[in-house]
C-alpha atoms as a PDB file:
ATOM      1  CA  MET A   1      -2.207 -11.687  29.303  1.00  0.00           C
ATOM      2  CA  MET A   2      -5.553 -11.656  27.561  1.00  0.00           C
ATOM      3  CA  ARG A   3      -8.253  -9.191  28.480  1.00  0.00           C
ATOM      4  CA  ALA A   4     -11.905 -10.048  28.321  1.00  0.00           C
ATOM      5  CA  GLY A   5     -13.809  -8.072  25.763  1.00  0.00           C
ATOM      6  CA  ALA A   6     -16.141  -8.309  22.849  1.00  0.00           C
ATOM      7  CA  TRP A   7     -15.713  -7.538  19.195  1.00  0.00           C
ATOM      8  CA  LEU A   8     -18.638  -6.811  16.919  1.00  0.00           C
ATOM      9  CA  LEU A   9     -18.435  -7.644  13.244  1.00  0.00           C
ATOM     10  CA  VAL A  10     -19.641  -4.704  11.181  1.00  0.00           C
ATOM     11  CA  PRO A  11     -19.797  -5.848   7.552  1.00  0.00           C
ATOM     12  CA  LEU A  12     -18.722  -2.948   5.373  1.00  0.00           C
ATOM     13  CA  VAL A  13     -19.655  -4.350   1.996  1.00  0.00           C
ATOM     14  CA  GLY A  14     -20.483  -7.494   0.143  1.00  0.00           C
ATOM     15  CA  ILE A  15     -17.653  -9.415  -1.408  1.00  0.00           C
ATOM     16  CA  GLY A  16     -17.821 -11.033  -4.807  1.00  0.00           C
ATOM     17  CA  CYS A  17     -18.761 -10.101  -8.330  1.00  0.00           C
ATOM     18  CA  ALA A  18     -19.744  -6.467  -8.382  1.00  0.00           C
ATOM     19  CA  THR A  19     -23.266  -5.500  -9.289  1.00  0.00           C
ATOM     20  CA  SER A  20     -23.125  -2.046  -7.702  1.00  0.00           C
ATOM     21  CA  PRO A  21     -20.354   0.432  -6.788  1.00  0.00           C
ATOM     22  CA  GLU A  22     -20.247  -0.606  -3.127  1.00  0.00           C
ATOM     23  CA  GLN A  23     -19.391  -4.200  -4.009  1.00  0.00           C
ATOM     24  CA  LEU A  24     -15.720  -5.180  -3.777  1.00  0.00           C
ATOM     25  CA  ASP A  25     -13.994  -7.859  -5.812  1.00  0.00           C
ATOM     26  CA  ARG A  26     -10.647  -9.128  -4.516  1.00  0.00           C
ATOM     27  CA  PRO A  27      -9.595  -6.047  -2.504  1.00  0.00           C
ATOM     28  CA  THR A  28      -5.950  -5.896  -1.509  1.00  0.00           C
ATOM     29  CA  ASN A  29      -5.524  -3.326   1.291  1.00  0.00           C
ATOM     30  CA  VAL A  30      -7.239  -0.703   3.471  1.00  0.00           C
ATOM     31  CA  ALA A  31      -6.306   2.654   4.987  1.00  0.00           C
ATOM     32  CA  PHE A  32      -8.063   5.143   7.245  1.00  0.00           C
ATOM     33  CA  GLY A  33      -8.617   8.843   6.632  1.00  0.00           C
ATOM     34  CA  LEU A  34      -8.340  11.606   9.190  1.00  0.00           C
ATOM     35  CA  ASP A  35     -12.140  11.600   9.524  1.00  0.00           C
ATOM     36  CA  GLY A  36     -12.307   7.841  10.072  1.00  0.00           C
ATOM     37  CA  ASP A  37     -13.388   7.020   6.525  1.00  0.00           C
ATOM     38  CA  VAL A  38     -12.098   3.744   5.106  1.00  0.00           C
ATOM     39  CA  TYR A  39     -10.185   3.670   1.809  1.00  0.00           C
ATOM     40  CA  VAL A  40     -10.053   0.302   0.066  1.00  0.00           C
ATOM     41  CA  ALA A  41      -7.634  -0.657  -2.698  1.00  0.00           C
ATOM     42  CA  ASP A  42     -10.026  -2.787  -4.749  1.00  0.00           C
ATOM     43  CA  GLY A  43      -7.130  -4.041  -6.732  1.00  0.00           C
ATOM     44  CA  TYR A  44      -7.239  -7.240  -8.674  1.00  0.00           C
ATOM     45  CA  ASN A  45     -10.464  -6.943 -10.644  1.00  0.00           C
ATOM     46  CA  HIS A  46     -11.730  -3.383 -10.286  1.00  0.00           C
ATOM     47  CA  ALA A  47      -8.529  -1.307 -10.425  1.00  0.00           C
ATOM     48  CA  ARG A  48     -10.033   1.421  -8.252  1.00  0.00           C
ATOM     49  CA  ILE A  49     -10.068   3.013  -4.815  1.00  0.00           C
ATOM     50  CA  ALA A  50     -13.375   2.859  -2.922  1.00  0.00           C
ATOM     51  CA  ARG A  51     -14.161   5.092   0.049  1.00  0.00           C
ATOM     52  CA  PHE A  52     -16.601   4.151   2.821  1.00  0.00           C
ATOM     53  CA  SER A  53     -17.743   5.783   6.032  1.00  0.00           C
ATOM     54  CA  GLU A  54     -16.894   4.184   9.376  1.00  0.00           C
ATOM     55  CA  SER A  55     -20.344   2.607   9.376  1.00  0.00           C
ATOM     56  CA  GLY A  56     -19.839   1.051   5.937  1.00  0.00           C
ATOM     57  CA  GLU A  57     -21.772   3.510   3.786  1.00  0.00           C
ATOM     58  CA  PHE A  58     -20.328   3.724   0.272  1.00  0.00           C
ATOM     59  CA  LEU A  59     -19.199   7.315  -0.348  1.00  0.00           C
ATOM     60  CA  MET A  60     -17.245   7.418  -3.587  1.00  0.00           C
ATOM     61  CA  GLU A  61     -14.775   5.679  -5.874  1.00  0.00           C
ATOM     62  CA  TRP A  62     -12.067   6.685  -8.295  1.00  0.00           C
ATOM     63  CA  GLY A  63      -9.861   4.999 -10.841  1.00  0.00           C
ATOM     64  CA  GLU A  64     -10.171   2.463 -13.609  1.00  0.00           C
ATOM     65  CA  LYS A  65      -7.879   0.066 -15.452  1.00  0.00           C
ATOM     66  CA  GLY A  66      -5.161   1.908 -17.328  1.00  0.00           C
ATOM     67  CA  PHE A  67      -1.816   3.656 -17.058  1.00  0.00           C
ATOM     68  CA  GLY A  68      -2.826   7.327 -17.123  1.00  0.00           C
ATOM     69  CA  ARG A  69      -3.192   9.708 -14.196  1.00  0.00           C
ATOM     70  CA  GLY A  70      -5.701   8.347 -11.717  1.00  0.00           C
ATOM     71  CA  GLN A  71      -5.846   4.984 -13.480  1.00  0.00           C
ATOM     72  CA  PHE A  72      -4.491   1.788 -11.975  1.00  0.00           C
ATOM     73  CA  ASP A  73      -3.170  -1.632 -12.848  1.00  0.00           C
ATOM     74  CA  THR A  74      -3.465  -3.587  -9.596  1.00  0.00           C
ATOM     75  CA  PRO A  75      -3.575  -0.949  -6.854  1.00  0.00           C
ATOM     76  CA  HIS A  76      -2.031  -3.273  -4.285  1.00  0.00           C
ATOM     77  CA  GLY A  77      -1.225  -1.070  -1.288  1.00  0.00           C
ATOM     78  CA  ILE A  78      -2.730   2.080   0.172  1.00  0.00           C
ATOM     79  CA  VAL A  79      -1.907   4.438   3.043  1.00  0.00           C
ATOM     80  CA  THR A  80      -2.846   7.930   4.203  1.00  0.00           C
ATOM     81  CA  ASP A  81      -0.595  10.523   5.789  1.00  0.00           C
ATOM     82  CA  ASP A  82      -1.142  12.970   8.634  1.00  0.00           C
ATOM     83  CA  GLU A  83      -2.490  15.599   6.230  1.00  0.00           C
ATOM     84  CA  GLY A  84      -5.063  13.299   4.644  1.00  0.00           C
ATOM     85  CA  ARG A  85      -3.268  12.534   1.393  1.00  0.00           C
ATOM     86  CA  VAL A  86      -3.789   9.057  -0.049  1.00  0.00           C
ATOM     87  CA  TYR A  87      -0.827   7.099  -1.448  1.00  0.00           C
ATOM     88  CA  VAL A  88      -1.483   4.102  -3.696  1.00  0.00           C
ATOM     89  CA  ALA A  89       1.070   1.433  -4.627  1.00  0.00           C
ATOM     90  CA  ASP A  90       0.057   0.989  -8.281  1.00  0.00           C
ATOM     91  CA  ARG A  91       1.908  -2.284  -8.627  1.00  0.00           C
ATOM     92  CA  GLU A  92       1.706  -3.249 -12.290  1.00  0.00           C
ATOM     93  CA  ASN A  93       2.253   0.353 -13.401  1.00  0.00           C
ATOM     94  CA  ALA A  94       5.437   0.406 -11.284  1.00  0.00           C
ATOM     95  CA  ARG A  95       4.615   3.651  -9.500  1.00  0.00           C
ATOM     96  CA  VAL A  96       3.075   5.314  -6.467  1.00  0.00           C
ATOM     97  CA  GLN A  97       0.195   7.698  -7.106  1.00  0.00           C
ATOM     98  CA  VAL A  98      -0.742  10.444  -4.650  1.00  0.00           C
ATOM     99  CA  PHE A  99      -4.267  11.862  -4.222  1.00  0.00           C
ATOM    100  CA  ASP A 100      -6.084  14.178  -1.888  1.00  0.00           C
ATOM    101  CA  ALA A 101      -8.752  12.775   0.431  1.00  0.00           C
ATOM    102  CA  ASP A 102     -11.413  13.176  -2.270  1.00  0.00           C
ATOM    103  CA  GLY A 103      -9.482  11.322  -4.959  1.00  0.00           C
ATOM    104  CA  ARG A 104      -8.065  14.308  -6.823  1.00  0.00           C
ATOM    105  CA  TYR A 105      -4.765  13.419  -8.464  1.00  0.00           C
ATOM    106  CA  LEU A 106      -1.729  15.206  -6.997  1.00  0.00           C
ATOM    107  CA  ALA A 107       1.393  13.396  -8.194  1.00  0.00           C
ATOM    108  CA  GLN A 108       3.011  10.185  -9.275  1.00  0.00           C
ATOM    109  CA  TRP A 109       6.311   8.750  -8.109  1.00  0.00           C
ATOM    110  CA  LYS A 110       7.967   6.608 -10.734  1.00  0.00           C
ATOM    111  CA  SER A 111      11.627   5.826 -11.256  1.00  0.00           C
ATOM    112  CA  ALA A 112      13.882   2.969 -12.254  1.00  0.00           C
ATOM    113  CA  ALA A 113      14.924   2.599  -8.608  1.00  0.00           C
ATOM    114  CA  LEU A 114      11.347   2.267  -7.361  1.00  0.00           C
ATOM    115  CA  GLY A 115      10.699  -1.052  -9.072  1.00  0.00           C
ATOM    116  CA  ARG A 116       7.253  -2.553  -8.602  1.00  0.00           C
ATOM    117  CA  PRO A 117       5.634  -1.395  -5.324  1.00  0.00           C
ATOM    118  CA  TRP A 118       3.642  -4.132  -3.609  1.00  0.00           C
ATOM    119  CA  ALA A 119       3.097  -2.470  -0.234  1.00  0.00           C
ATOM    120  CA  ILE A 120       3.269   1.013   1.237  1.00  0.00           C
ATOM    121  CA  THR A 121       3.047   2.611   4.680  1.00  0.00           C
ATOM    122  CA  PHE A 122       3.601   5.937   6.429  1.00  0.00           C
ATOM    123  CA  GLY A 123       6.154   6.153   9.225  1.00  0.00           C
ATOM    124  CA  PRO A 124       6.318   8.253  12.406  1.00  0.00           C
ATOM    125  CA  ASP A 125       9.208  10.124  10.762  1.00  0.00           C
ATOM    126  CA  ARG A 126       6.779  11.480   8.107  1.00  0.00           C
ATOM    127  CA  HIS A 127       8.331   9.364   5.378  1.00  0.00           C
ATOM    128  CA  VAL A 128       6.684   6.855   3.085  1.00  0.00           C
ATOM    129  CA  TYR A 129       8.009   3.278   3.073  1.00  0.00           C
ATOM    130  CA  VAL A 130       7.577   1.042   0.032  1.00  0.00           C
ATOM    131  CA  VAL A 131       8.336  -2.613  -0.652  1.00  0.00           C
ATOM    132  CA  ASP A 132       9.466  -3.437  -4.190  1.00  0.00           C
ATOM    133  CA  GLY A 133       8.120  -6.962  -4.087  1.00  0.00           C
ATOM    134  CA  GLY A 134       9.560  -8.237  -7.317  1.00  0.00           C
ATOM    135  CA  ASP A 135       9.150  -8.406 -11.038  1.00  0.00           C
ATOM    136  CA  GLN A 136       9.405 -11.050 -13.709  1.00  0.00           C
ATOM    137  CA  ASP A 137      11.890  -8.842 -15.573  1.00  0.00           C
ATOM    138  CA  PRO A 138      15.390  -9.509 -14.153  1.00  0.00           C
ATOM    139  CA  GLU A 139      16.548  -6.058 -15.304  1.00  0.00           C
ATOM    140  CA  ARG A 140      14.169  -4.286 -12.926  1.00  0.00           C
ATOM    141  CA  PRO A 141      14.897  -3.809  -9.215  1.00  0.00           C
ATOM    142  CA  ARG A 142      13.392  -6.297  -6.800  1.00  0.00           C
ATOM    143  CA  GLY A 143      13.432  -7.129  -3.138  1.00  0.00           C
ATOM    144  CA  HIS A 144      14.130  -3.617  -1.893  1.00  0.00           C
ATOM    145  CA  VAL A 145      12.676  -1.569   0.928  1.00  0.00           C
ATOM    146  CA  LEU A 146      12.610   2.126   0.088  1.00  0.00           C
ATOM    147  CA  ARG A 147      12.138   5.178   2.289  1.00  0.00           C
ATOM    148  CA  LEU A 148      10.872   8.255   0.461  1.00  0.00           C
ATOM    149  CA  ASN A 149      10.250  11.825   1.520  1.00  0.00           C
ATOM    150  CA  LEU A 150       6.917  13.508   0.789  1.00  0.00           C
ATOM    151  CA  ASP A 151       8.233  14.746  -2.562  1.00  0.00           C
ATOM    152  CA  GLY A 152       8.746  11.153  -3.674  1.00  0.00           C
ATOM    153  CA  GLU A 153      12.537  11.262  -3.463  1.00  0.00           C
ATOM    154  CA  ILE A 154      14.219   8.054  -2.328  1.00  0.00           C
ATOM    155  CA  VAL A 155      16.321   8.821   0.746  1.00  0.00           C
ATOM    156  CA  ASP A 156      17.125   5.247   1.835  1.00  0.00           C
ATOM    157  CA  ARG A 157      17.094   1.869   0.123  1.00  0.00           C
ATOM    158  CA  TRP A 158      18.096  -1.502   1.534  1.00  0.00           C
ATOM    159  CA  SER A 159      17.705  -5.256   1.201  1.00  0.00           C
ATOM    160  CA  THR A 160      17.799  -7.287  -1.983  1.00  0.00           C
ATOM    161  CA  SER A 161      16.117 -10.304  -3.496  1.00  0.00           C
ATOM    162  CA  GLY A 162      16.853 -13.645  -1.862  1.00  0.00           C
ATOM    163  CA  ASP A 163      15.912 -15.959   0.970  1.00  0.00           C
ATOM    164  CA  GLY A 164      18.718 -15.182   3.417  1.00  0.00           C
ATOM    165  CA  PRO A 165      18.651 -12.926   6.490  1.00  0.00           C
ATOM    166  CA  GLY A 166      17.900  -9.363   5.445  1.00  0.00           C
ATOM    167  CA  GLU A 167      16.812 -10.453   1.970  1.00  0.00           C
ATOM    168  CA  LEU A 168      13.270 -10.451   0.603  1.00  0.00           C
ATOM    169  CA  ASP A 169      11.648 -13.066  -1.590  1.00  0.00           C
ATOM    170  CA  TRP A 170       8.649 -11.224  -2.980  1.00  0.00           C
ATOM    171  CA  GLY A 171       8.224  -8.744  -0.127  1.00  0.00           C
ATOM    172  CA  HIS A 172       4.503  -8.313   0.294  1.00  0.00           C
ATOM    173  CA  GLY A 173       3.623  -6.211   3.367  1.00  0.00           C
ATOM    174  CA  ILE A 174       5.229  -3.461   5.428  1.00  0.00           C
ATOM    175  CA  ALA A 175       4.663  -1.659   8.740  1.00  0.00           C
ATOM    176  CA  VAL A 176       6.727   0.822  10.747  1.00  0.00           C
ATOM    177  CA  GLY A 177       6.717   0.846  14.552  1.00  0.00           C
ATOM    178  CA  GLN A 178       6.723   3.979  16.687  1.00  0.00           C
ATOM    179  CA  ASP A 179      10.444   3.437  17.319  1.00  0.00           C
ATOM    180  CA  GLY A 180      11.136   3.467  13.573  1.00  0.00           C
ATOM    181  CA  SER A 181      11.686  -0.279  13.215  1.00  0.00           C
ATOM    182  CA  VAL A 182      10.487  -1.572   9.845  1.00  0.00           C
ATOM    183  CA  TYR A 183       8.677  -4.907   9.574  1.00  0.00           C
ATOM    184  CA  VAL A 184       8.382  -6.617   6.189  1.00  0.00           C
ATOM    185  CA  THR A 185       6.577  -9.796   5.172  1.00  0.00           C
ATOM    186  CA  SER A 186       7.517 -11.999   2.220  1.00  0.00           C
ATOM    187  CA  LEU A 187       5.317 -14.289   0.164  1.00  0.00           C
ATOM    188  CA  ARG A 188       8.164 -16.769   0.131  1.00  0.00           C
ATOM    189  CA  GLY A 189      11.192 -17.027   2.322  1.00  0.00           C
ATOM    190  CA  ARG A 190      11.591 -15.792   5.878  1.00  0.00           C
ATOM    191  CA  GLY A 191       8.096 -14.716   6.965  1.00  0.00           C
ATOM    192  CA  VAL A 192       8.420 -11.410   8.860  1.00  0.00           C
ATOM    193  CA  GLN A 193      11.740  -9.594   9.145  1.00  0.00           C
ATOM    194  CA  LYS A 194      12.542  -6.591  11.321  1.00  0.00           C
ATOM    195  CA  PHE A 195      14.938  -3.871  10.195  1.00  0.00           C
ATOM    196  CA  ARG A 196      16.327  -1.257  12.575  1.00  0.00           C
ATOM    197  CA  ARG A 197      18.295   1.825  11.577  1.00  0.00           C
ATOM    198  CA  THR A 198      21.848   1.858  12.907  1.00  0.00           C
ATOM    199  CA  LYS A 199      22.916   5.376  11.880  1.00  0.00           C
END
């Protein structure tokens, strides 16, 4: 059943080649802070996180191209937790970086088992879920869904690369329902798959 209603487009920023800090260029993901602010992973060309108010006012940015703390190489996914921390899937640096709400660096999660994180979300169980979308290097993990605690420790890992049921062919997006079911999209392969914990 559809309900009548109206939606109003509120342009946050201009899109295209950047001439000022509020301009985005090929952003990859958004997340919302506890205060309603919007965090944008401006990933492909700017390698930064931009923060806007609900009304679209540019507030701040952090990050630049690189592999040091607070630097990024394709920040591809972003999520906030229930305490306001910001988690960034720093895809080409094969890590997750953690910041406070004002962009101050807190930690990085990087391990051989993490692979290359393409997407990230926060679940109702207060765990972080990451999709290792894939890598050109066959020696590195690929096609996994990982569940991490807030210290960055992997507590669950499932799926593998492939195009069969339960397999991921370049997993690209992730969401967790209130019942704990995990939904993952793939660039190639089976579209959206649902995973449910059995134990």
